[in-house]
Amino acid sequence: MNADAVKNFVIAGHGNLETVKSMLEADPALLKTAHEWRPDDLETALQAAPRVGDGNLLKRGAPLLITTAAMLGQVAALEEYLTRYPTLIASSGAHGIPLLVHAVMSDNAALVSALISRGATGGASMALNIAVNIGNLEVVRVLLAQTQPDLHWKNMKGKSALELAAGNLELLSLLKEIS
C-alpha cells in the first residue's frame, strides 16, 4: 500500500467526506489502513473524524476501535470491549488521546460518568477543556464531580477551560465555584 495514499486518506478523514468516498472508490483497501504519524501513533480515517465518516465507513467494514466507539457514543460496543478486555479502560487512541476524552466528544454525560466509574480518568483536564469548548454543561458537571481536572490546563491554542467558558455565563460560574 502506498504510504502517501494512506496518509492522504487519513487526512481526508478529518473532515472531507467527498475525498474519502472518491479515494475509497479508487482503492477500497484504504478502508482498513492506518497512517503512522510517529512510532506507536496510528490513525485510521474513521478515527480521524468518526462523525464525518461513521455511517459510510462503518457500513463498508472499517474497524471500530474502542476510542471511536466512545466518540460515537456506542454504549453496547463499549460494554462488549470492556467486558472482554477490562484493561482497555485505560487505553488511548491516535495521538495518545485517552478514552475519556473520546467519550466527552460523544456529548453523552451518562456514558462519560459510566466510563469514569470504571476507571477512565486519564486526560481529565483535556476532557474538561473539550467539554467546555463544546458547551456541554452536563458533561462538565460529571467531570468536575468525578475527576480532578486542572482548570488551568491549556489546549493547543493556549486556552484553559476558564478562558473557553468566558462566553457562557453558566459554565463560567460553575467553573469559578470549583476553582
Foldseek 3Di string as FASTA:
>chain_A
DDLVLLVVLLVCLLPPVVVVVVSCVVPVVSLADWHDPDPPATDHSCRNPVVRCVVPSVVSPRDQDLLSCLLQVVVVVNVVCCVVPVVCLAPAHGPRHFSLLSNLNNLDLVSSLVSVVSPNAPPLQVSLLVNLLVPNPSNNVSSLVRYDYDQCDQDPVGDGSLRSNVVPVVSNVVVVVSD
